[in-house]
Amino acid sequence: MNFMLFSVIFQIRETRNRPNTCAVEEVPGTNQKYWTECKYWMNREICGVKTVLRYECCEGFHQIGKNGGCFGVKPMTDVVKTARDLGATVFVDYLNEAGLTERLRRPGEAITLFAPTNEAFEQLSPADQESLRVSLLERESPFLLHHVVSGRKLHSKDFRGEQEVETVNRGAKLRINKYNHGMTTVNCAPMVRKDQQATNGIVHLIDKVLVPPPPTELPLYRKPSSATAASENCLV
């Protein structure tokens, strides 16, 4: 092993072993990113493509100085601001448009927010885009409320396979699944970044939009038409 390669490997190992450091898995050639648990550094394959790992400060911490460790503590914010800081800006803009931000910012609440990435909205089918547009015209958009669980702060360690949780969208339910390879899904949407703590709840970043069922089908959930799963059993 030459000296340059040894130096690179040593630097990677030193970085991943620092306190408050997390791994980010990226799928080359796509916008897919998966924030893994702290101290996880095993490469894996997603859909047959080997992921690339890089390391950054875990949520809630920031780097001090150019070469310092992740010892700076970020101030905690509400679920809406947390979702925006995670990059779910399109989702937060829709929440603003629907007049839901004040409701979701109330102190003392226990809110679980499943926030779709910006790319997730680009994957919506024309039919689901129209459903979203119509929902924004309603009072407190049911489409957006389908991403909100109130009164419960759902941490990933408490998730169970085939677990159902009730949303504030007229009691419609979401189904959570956990898989042996570490993936967790909600209505077949992979959670790409879990357990982002907020002052009034917790945020999970997901890579698909959760399309609500028609009112006649409540409280059952409907698999979105733009999903890749062939049935209620997610293909991940």
C-alpha atoms as a PDB file:
ATOM      1  CA  MET A   1       0.000   0.000   0.000  1.00  0.00           C
ATOM      2  CA  ASN A   2       1.530   3.314  -1.019  1.00  0.00           C
ATOM      3  CA  PHE A   3       1.871   6.208   1.400  1.00  0.00           C
ATOM      4  CA  MET A   4      -0.835   8.375  -0.253  1.00  0.00           C
ATOM      5  CA  LEU A   5      -3.458   5.618  -0.097  1.00  0.00           C
ATOM      6  CA  PHE A   6      -2.513   4.854   3.506  1.00  0.00           C
ATOM      7  CA  SER A   7      -2.904   8.542   4.405  1.00  0.00           C
ATOM      8  CA  VAL A   8      -6.385   8.678   2.842  1.00  0.00           C
ATOM      9  CA  ILE A   9      -7.529   5.544   4.680  1.00  0.00           C
ATOM     10  CA  PHE A  10      -6.098   6.836   7.968  1.00  0.00           C
ATOM     11  CA  GLN A  11      -7.875  10.182   7.511  1.00  0.00           C
ATOM     12  CA  ILE A  12     -11.211   8.457   6.822  1.00  0.00           C
ATOM     13  CA  ARG A  13     -10.860   6.250   9.888  1.00  0.00           C
ATOM     14  CA  GLU A  14      -9.859   9.208  12.036  1.00  0.00           C
ATOM     15  CA  THR A  15     -12.862  11.217  10.808  1.00  0.00           C
ATOM     16  CA  ARG A  16     -15.434   8.481  11.368  1.00  0.00           C
ATOM     17  CA  ASN A  17     -14.145   7.802  14.881  1.00  0.00           C
ATOM     18  CA  ARG A  18     -14.565  11.392  16.026  1.00  0.00           C
ATOM     19  CA  PRO A  19     -17.395  12.142  18.481  1.00  0.00           C
ATOM     20  CA  ASN A  20     -20.738  13.295  17.020  1.00  0.00           C
ATOM     21  CA  THR A  21     -19.756  12.201  13.489  1.00  0.00           C
ATOM     22  CA  CYS A  22     -22.265  10.456  11.201  1.00  0.00           C
ATOM     23  CA  ALA A  23     -21.962   8.722   7.848  1.00  0.00           C
ATOM     24  CA  VAL A  24     -23.870   9.829   4.758  1.00  0.00           C
ATOM     25  CA  GLU A  25     -24.425   7.216   2.056  1.00  0.00           C
ATOM     26  CA  GLU A  26     -24.764   8.599  -1.467  1.00  0.00           C
ATOM     27  CA  VAL A  27     -25.850   6.681  -4.570  1.00  0.00           C
ATOM     28  CA  PRO A  28     -23.578   7.788  -7.457  1.00  0.00           C
ATOM     29  CA  GLY A  29     -25.386   9.374 -10.401  1.00  0.00           C
ATOM     30  CA  THR A  30     -28.519  10.182  -8.379  1.00  0.00           C
ATOM     31  CA  ASN A  31     -29.710  12.643  -5.748  1.00  0.00           C
ATOM     32  CA  GLN A  32     -30.264   9.804  -3.266  1.00  0.00           C
ATOM     33  CA  LYS A  33     -28.666  10.271   0.142  1.00  0.00           C
ATOM     34  CA  TYR A  34     -29.136   8.217   3.288  1.00  0.00           C
ATOM     35  CA  TRP A  35     -27.972   9.519   6.652  1.00  0.00           C
ATOM     36  CA  THR A  36     -27.026   6.471   8.663  1.00  0.00           C
ATOM     37  CA  GLU A  37     -26.669   6.022  12.380  1.00  0.00           C
ATOM     38  CA  CYS A  38     -23.570   7.372  14.107  1.00  0.00           C
ATOM     39  CA  LYS A  39     -20.489   5.135  13.814  1.00  0.00           C
ATOM     40  CA  TYR A  40     -21.969   3.196  10.875  1.00  0.00           C
ATOM     41  CA  TRP A  41     -19.449   3.000   8.070  1.00  0.00           C
ATOM     42  CA  MET A  42     -20.106  -0.224   6.138  1.00  0.00           C
ATOM     43  CA  ASN A  43     -20.660   0.361   2.419  1.00  0.00           C
ATOM     44  CA  ARG A  44     -23.669  -1.390   0.952  1.00  0.00           C
ATOM     45  CA  GLU A  45     -25.524  -1.576  -2.339  1.00  0.00           C
ATOM     46  CA  ILE A  46     -28.832   0.158  -3.048  1.00  0.00           C
ATOM     47  CA  CYS A  47     -30.642  -1.161  -6.136  1.00  0.00           C
ATOM     48  CA  GLY A  48     -27.402  -2.826  -7.228  1.00  0.00           C
ATOM     49  CA  VAL A  49     -25.290   0.341  -6.983  1.00  0.00           C
ATOM     50  CA  LYS A  50     -22.541   0.526  -4.364  1.00  0.00           C
ATOM     51  CA  THR A  51     -22.920   3.579  -2.184  1.00  0.00           C
ATOM     52  CA  VAL A  52     -20.229   6.153  -1.495  1.00  0.00           C
ATOM     53  CA  LEU A  53     -19.655   7.196   2.109  1.00  0.00           C
ATOM     54  CA  ARG A  54     -18.721  10.575   3.461  1.00  0.00           C
ATOM     55  CA  TYR A  55     -18.796  11.896   7.005  1.00  0.00           C
ATOM     56  CA  GLU A  56     -20.285  14.998   8.574  1.00  0.00           C
ATOM     57  CA  CYS A  57     -21.422  16.253  11.939  1.00  0.00           C
ATOM     58  CA  CYS A  58     -24.473  14.488  13.335  1.00  0.00           C
ATOM     59  CA  GLU A  59     -27.677  16.482  13.588  1.00  0.00           C
ATOM     60  CA  GLY A  60     -27.548  18.978  16.419  1.00  0.00           C
ATOM     61  CA  PHE A  61     -23.793  19.522  16.181  1.00  0.00           C
ATOM     62  CA  HIS A  62     -21.498  21.638  14.022  1.00  0.00           C
ATOM     63  CA  GLN A  63     -17.793  21.761  13.338  1.00  0.00           C
ATOM     64  CA  ILE A  64     -15.648  24.172  15.328  1.00  0.00           C
ATOM     65  CA  GLY A  65     -12.863  25.644  13.234  1.00  0.00           C
ATOM     66  CA  LYS A  66     -11.569  24.405   9.897  1.00  0.00           C
ATOM     67  CA  ASN A  67     -10.106  21.173  11.215  1.00  0.00           C
ATOM     68  CA  GLY A  68     -11.942  20.953  14.523  1.00  0.00           C
ATOM     69  CA  GLY A  69     -14.319  18.262  15.648  1.00  0.00           C
ATOM     70  CA  CYS A  70     -18.112  18.307  15.827  1.00  0.00           C
ATOM     71  CA  PHE A  71     -18.311  19.777  19.307  1.00  0.00           C
ATOM     72  CA  GLY A  72     -20.452  22.849  18.625  1.00  0.00           C
ATOM     73  CA  VAL A  73     -24.092  22.414  19.679  1.00  0.00           C
ATOM     74  CA  LYS A  74     -26.781  23.844  17.400  1.00  0.00           C
ATOM     75  CA  PRO A  75     -29.839  25.463  19.005  1.00  0.00           C
ATOM     76  CA  MET A  76     -32.969  23.345  18.683  1.00  0.00           C
ATOM     77  CA  THR A  77     -35.889  24.742  16.639  1.00  0.00           C
ATOM     78  CA  ASP A  78     -39.522  23.782  15.950  1.00  0.00           C
ATOM     79  CA  VAL A  79     -40.446  21.025  13.475  1.00  0.00           C
ATOM     80  CA  VAL A  80     -41.110  23.476  10.622  1.00  0.00           C
ATOM     81  CA  LYS A  81     -37.730  25.197  10.917  1.00  0.00           C
ATOM     82  CA  THR A  82     -36.044  21.829  11.415  1.00  0.00           C
ATOM     83  CA  ALA A  83     -37.611  20.498   8.198  1.00  0.00           C
ATOM     84  CA  ARG A  84     -36.451  23.571   6.272  1.00  0.00           C
ATOM     85  CA  ASP A  85     -32.929  23.244   7.680  1.00  0.00           C
ATOM     86  CA  LEU A  86     -32.902  19.635   6.472  1.00  0.00           C
ATOM     87  CA  GLY A  87     -33.562  20.869   2.929  1.00  0.00           C
ATOM     88  CA  ALA A  88     -37.308  20.110   2.688  1.00  0.00           C
ATOM     89  CA  THR A  89     -37.955  23.649   1.435  1.00  0.00           C
ATOM     90  CA  VAL A  90     -40.695  22.756  -1.069  1.00  0.00           C
ATOM     91  CA  PHE A  91     -42.687  20.964   1.635  1.00  0.00           C
ATOM     92  CA  VAL A  92     -42.306  23.888   4.047  1.00  0.00           C
ATOM     93  CA  ASP A  93     -43.351  26.340   1.320  1.00  0.00           C
ATOM     94  CA  TYR A  94     -46.532  24.307   0.818  1.00  0.00           C
ATOM     95  CA  LEU A  95     -47.137  24.347   4.587  1.00  0.00           C
ATOM     96  CA  ASN A  96     -46.862  28.141   4.490  1.00  0.00           C
ATOM     97  CA  GLU A  97     -49.226  28.354   1.518  1.00  0.00           C
ATOM     98  CA  ALA A  98     -51.783  26.186   3.325  1.00  0.00           C
ATOM     99  CA  GLY A  99     -51.541  28.239   6.528  1.00  0.00           C
ATOM    100  CA  LEU A 100     -50.306  25.299   8.590  1.00  0.00           C
ATOM    101  CA  THR A 101     -46.993  26.598   9.882  1.00  0.00           C
ATOM    102  CA  GLU A 102     -48.382  28.343  12.968  1.00  0.00           C
ATOM    103  CA  ARG A 103     -50.274  25.213  13.954  1.00  0.00           C
ATOM    104  CA  LEU A 104     -47.118  23.114  13.633  1.00  0.00           C
ATOM    105  CA  ARG A 105     -44.994  25.605  15.552  1.00  0.00           C
ATOM    106  CA  ARG A 106     -47.023  25.578  18.760  1.00  0.00           C
ATOM    107  CA  PRO A 107     -44.772  25.051  21.784  1.00  0.00           C
ATOM    108  CA  GLY A 108     -45.458  22.099  24.005  1.00  0.00           C
ATOM    109  CA  GLU A 109     -46.823  19.954  21.187  1.00  0.00           C
ATOM    110  CA  ALA A 110     -45.572  16.448  20.475  1.00  0.00           C
ATOM    111  CA  ILE A 111     -45.499  16.326  16.678  1.00  0.00           C
ATOM    112  CA  THR A 112     -43.991  13.733  14.376  1.00  0.00           C
ATOM    113  CA  LEU A 113     -43.433  15.250  10.940  1.00  0.00           C
ATOM    114  CA  PHE A 114     -42.598  13.143   7.879  1.00  0.00           C
ATOM    115  CA  ALA A 115     -41.007  15.730   5.571  1.00  0.00           C
ATOM    116  CA  PRO A 116     -40.541  14.797   1.881  1.00  0.00           C
ATOM    117  CA  THR A 117     -37.373  15.906   0.119  1.00  0.00           C
ATOM    118  CA  ASN A 118     -37.598  18.451  -2.695  1.00  0.00           C
ATOM    119  CA  GLU A 119     -36.845  15.672  -5.193  1.00  0.00           C
ATOM    120  CA  ALA A 120     -39.850  13.714  -3.897  1.00  0.00           C
ATOM    121  CA  PHE A 121     -42.230  16.367  -5.235  1.00  0.00           C
ATOM    122  CA  GLU A 122     -40.615  16.109  -8.673  1.00  0.00           C
ATOM    123  CA  GLN A 123     -41.540  12.405  -8.719  1.00  0.00           C
ATOM    124  CA  LEU A 124     -45.274  12.990  -8.203  1.00  0.00           C
ATOM    125  CA  SER A 125     -47.507  11.752 -10.992  1.00  0.00           C
ATOM    126  CA  PRO A 126     -49.723  14.321 -12.781  1.00  0.00           C
ATOM    127  CA  ALA A 127     -52.756  12.926 -10.946  1.00  0.00           C
ATOM    128  CA  ASP A 128     -51.094  13.311  -7.546  1.00  0.00           C
ATOM    129  CA  GLN A 129     -49.890  16.807  -8.448  1.00  0.00           C
ATOM    130  CA  GLU A 130     -53.493  17.754  -9.201  1.00  0.00           C
ATOM    131  CA  SER A 131     -54.634  16.233  -5.884  1.00  0.00           C
ATOM    132  CA  LEU A 132     -52.047  18.363  -4.092  1.00  0.00           C
ATOM    133  CA  ARG A 133     -53.153  21.500  -5.949  1.00  0.00           C
ATOM    134  CA  VAL A 134     -56.817  20.915  -5.061  1.00  0.00           C
ATOM    135  CA  SER A 135     -55.943  20.105  -1.447  1.00  0.00           C
ATOM    136  CA  LEU A 136     -54.140  23.430  -1.054  1.00  0.00           C
ATOM    137  CA  LEU A 137     -57.473  25.149  -1.717  1.00  0.00           C
ATOM    138  CA  GLU A 138     -59.058  23.405   1.276  1.00  0.00           C
ATOM    139  CA  ARG A 139     -58.867  24.585   4.867  1.00  0.00           C
ATOM    140  CA  GLU A 140     -55.816  22.938   6.445  1.00  0.00           C
ATOM    141  CA  SER A 141     -54.812  20.842   3.439  1.00  0.00           C
ATOM    142  CA  PRO A 142     -55.536  17.119   4.040  1.00  0.00           C
ATOM    143  CA  PHE A 143     -52.725  16.274   1.613  1.00  0.00           C
ATOM    144  CA  LEU A 144     -50.141  17.975   3.816  1.00  0.00           C
ATOM    145  CA  LEU A 145     -51.714  16.873   7.111  1.00  0.00           C
ATOM    146  CA  HIS A 146     -51.191  13.288   5.923  1.00  0.00           C
ATOM    147  CA  HIS A 147     -47.535  13.856   6.862  1.00  0.00           C
ATOM    148  CA  VAL A 148     -48.317  14.862  10.469  1.00  0.00           C
ATOM    149  CA  VAL A 149     -48.819  12.748  13.584  1.00  0.00           C
ATOM    150  CA  SER A 150     -49.917  14.770  16.623  1.00  0.00           C
ATOM    151  CA  GLY A 151     -49.576  13.902  20.287  1.00  0.00           C
ATOM    152  CA  ARG A 152     -46.791  11.386  19.668  1.00  0.00           C
ATOM    153  CA  LYS A 153     -43.053  11.852  19.235  1.00  0.00           C
ATOM    154  CA  LEU A 154     -42.204   8.756  17.221  1.00  0.00           C
ATOM    155  CA  HIS A 155     -38.514   7.841  17.505  1.00  0.00           C
ATOM    156  CA  SER A 156     -37.117   5.268  15.065  1.00  0.00           C
ATOM    157  CA  LYS A 157     -36.008   2.978  17.907  1.00  0.00           C
ATOM    158  CA  ASP A 158     -39.673   2.576  18.822  1.00  0.00           C
ATOM    159  CA  PHE A 159     -40.818   1.653  15.299  1.00  0.00           C
ATOM    160  CA  ARG A 160     -42.132  -1.876  14.736  1.00  0.00           C
ATOM    161  CA  GLY A 161     -42.756  -3.824  11.564  1.00  0.00           C
ATOM    162  CA  GLU A 162     -46.247  -3.333  10.113  1.00  0.00           C
ATOM    163  CA  GLN A 163     -46.921  -0.603  12.682  1.00  0.00           C
ATOM    164  CA  GLU A 164     -49.823   1.731  11.918  1.00  0.00           C
ATOM    165  CA  VAL A 165     -49.936   5.325  13.152  1.00  0.00           C
ATOM    166  CA  GLU A 166     -52.821   7.762  12.860  1.00  0.00           C
ATOM    167  CA  THR A 167     -52.317  11.134  11.183  1.00  0.00           C
ATOM    168  CA  VAL A 168     -54.219  14.362  11.749  1.00  0.00           C
ATOM    169  CA  ASN A 169     -55.637  13.950   8.241  1.00  0.00           C
ATOM    170  CA  ARG A 170     -59.115  12.800   9.286  1.00  0.00           C
ATOM    171  CA  GLY A 171     -57.672   9.804  11.093  1.00  0.00           C
ATOM    172  CA  ALA A 172     -55.988   8.341   8.009  1.00  0.00           C
ATOM    173  CA  LYS A 173     -53.240   5.903   8.936  1.00  0.00           C
ATOM    174  CA  LEU A 174     -49.649   5.411   7.839  1.00  0.00           C
ATOM    175  CA  ARG A 175     -47.892   2.058   7.843  1.00  0.00           C
ATOM    176  CA  ILE A 176     -44.312   1.810   9.076  1.00  0.00           C
ATOM    177  CA  ASN A 177     -41.992  -1.068   8.186  1.00  0.00           C
ATOM    178  CA  LYS A 178     -38.467  -1.920   9.341  1.00  0.00           C
ATOM    179  CA  TYR A 179     -36.114  -4.128   7.324  1.00  0.00           C
ATOM    180  CA  ASN A 180     -33.099  -6.228   8.252  1.00  0.00           C
ATOM    181  CA  HIS A 181     -30.720  -4.142   6.121  1.00  0.00           C
ATOM    182  CA  GLY A 182     -31.517  -1.043   8.179  1.00  0.00           C
ATOM    183  CA  MET A 183     -34.077   0.628   5.927  1.00  0.00           C
ATOM    184  CA  THR A 184     -37.238   2.032   7.513  1.00  0.00           C
ATOM    185  CA  THR A 185     -40.224   3.044   5.381  1.00  0.00           C
ATOM    186  CA  VAL A 186     -43.505   4.846   5.906  1.00  0.00           C
ATOM    187  CA  ASN A 187     -46.122   3.902   3.287  1.00  0.00           C
ATOM    188  CA  CYS A 188     -43.215   2.484   1.257  1.00  0.00           C
ATOM    189  CA  ALA A 189     -41.328   5.817   1.366  1.00  0.00           C
ATOM    190  CA  PRO A 190     -37.772   5.252   2.667  1.00  0.00           C
ATOM    191  CA  MET A 191     -36.724   7.418   5.593  1.00  0.00           C
ATOM    192  CA  VAL A 192     -33.433   8.910   4.437  1.00  0.00           C
ATOM    193  CA  ARG A 193     -32.773  10.889   7.622  1.00  0.00           C
ATOM    194  CA  LYS A 194     -34.389   9.893  10.903  1.00  0.00           C
ATOM    195  CA  ASP A 195     -34.871  11.281  14.403  1.00  0.00           C
ATOM    196  CA  GLN A 196     -34.179  14.974  13.837  1.00  0.00           C
ATOM    197  CA  GLN A 197     -35.058  16.460  17.216  1.00  0.00           C
ATOM    198  CA  ALA A 198     -37.139  19.650  17.449  1.00  0.00           C
ATOM    199  CA  THR A 199     -38.453  21.763  20.316  1.00  0.00           C
ATOM    200  CA  ASN A 200     -41.993  20.498  19.761  1.00  0.00           C
ATOM    201  CA  GLY A 201     -41.446  17.084  18.223  1.00  0.00           C
ATOM    202  CA  ILE A 202     -39.340  15.108  15.786  1.00  0.00           C
ATOM    203  CA  VAL A 203     -38.778  15.152  12.009  1.00  0.00           C
ATOM    204  CA  HIS A 204     -38.074  12.240   9.660  1.00  0.00           C
ATOM    205  CA  LEU A 205     -36.922  13.102   6.127  1.00  0.00           C
ATOM    206  CA  ILE A 206     -38.474  10.814   3.479  1.00  0.00           C
ATOM    207  CA  ASP A 207     -37.850  10.477  -0.244  1.00  0.00           C
ATOM    208  CA  LYS A 208     -41.470  10.164  -1.419  1.00  0.00           C
ATOM    209  CA  VAL A 209     -44.590  12.264  -0.880  1.00  0.00           C
ATOM    210  CA  LEU A 210     -47.277  10.517   1.179  1.00  0.00           C
ATOM    211  CA  VAL A 211     -50.408  10.632  -0.953  1.00  0.00           C
ATOM    212  CA  PRO A 212     -53.574  10.413   1.195  1.00  0.00           C
ATOM    213  CA  PRO A 213     -56.427   8.039   0.393  1.00  0.00           C
ATOM    214  CA  PRO A 214     -59.772   9.343  -0.852  1.00  0.00           C
ATOM    215  CA  PRO A 215     -62.149  10.205   2.030  1.00  0.00           C
ATOM    216  CA  THR A 216     -64.257   7.112   1.263  1.00  0.00           C
ATOM    217  CA  GLU A 217     -61.238   4.878   1.998  1.00  0.00           C
ATOM    218  CA  LEU A 218     -60.315   6.338   5.392  1.00  0.00           C
ATOM    219  CA  PRO A 219     -58.737   5.287   7.693  1.00  0.00           C
ATOM    220  CA  LEU A 220     -56.850   2.915   5.376  1.00  0.00           C
ATOM    221  CA  TYR A 221     -53.780   4.152   3.563  1.00  0.00           C
ATOM    222  CA  ARG A 222     -53.341   4.248  -0.203  1.00  0.00           C
ATOM    223  CA  LYS A 223     -50.088   3.512  -1.968  1.00  0.00           C
ATOM    224  CA  PRO A 224     -49.252   6.587  -4.106  1.00  0.00           C
ATOM    225  CA  SER A 225     -49.553   6.089  -7.856  1.00  0.00           C
ATOM    226  CA  SER A 226     -45.988   7.335  -8.278  1.00  0.00           C
ATOM    227  CA  ALA A 227     -44.522   4.772  -5.872  1.00  0.00           C
ATOM    228  CA  THR A 228     -42.244   2.023  -7.139  1.00  0.00           C
ATOM    229  CA  ALA A 229     -43.712  -0.648  -4.911  1.00  0.00           C
ATOM    230  CA  ALA A 230     -45.765  -3.234  -6.769  1.00  0.00           C
ATOM    231  CA  SER A 231     -48.058  -3.911  -3.822  1.00  0.00           C
ATOM    232  CA  GLU A 232     -48.560  -3.070  -0.164  1.00  0.00           C
ATOM    233  CA  ASN A 233     -45.293  -4.917   0.472  1.00  0.00           C
ATOM    234  CA  CYS A 234     -42.596  -2.337  -0.194  1.00  0.00           C
ATOM    235  CA  LEU A 235     -39.806  -3.288  -2.562  1.00  0.00           C
ATOM    236  CA  VAL A 236     -36.680  -1.917  -0.873  1.00  0.00           C
END
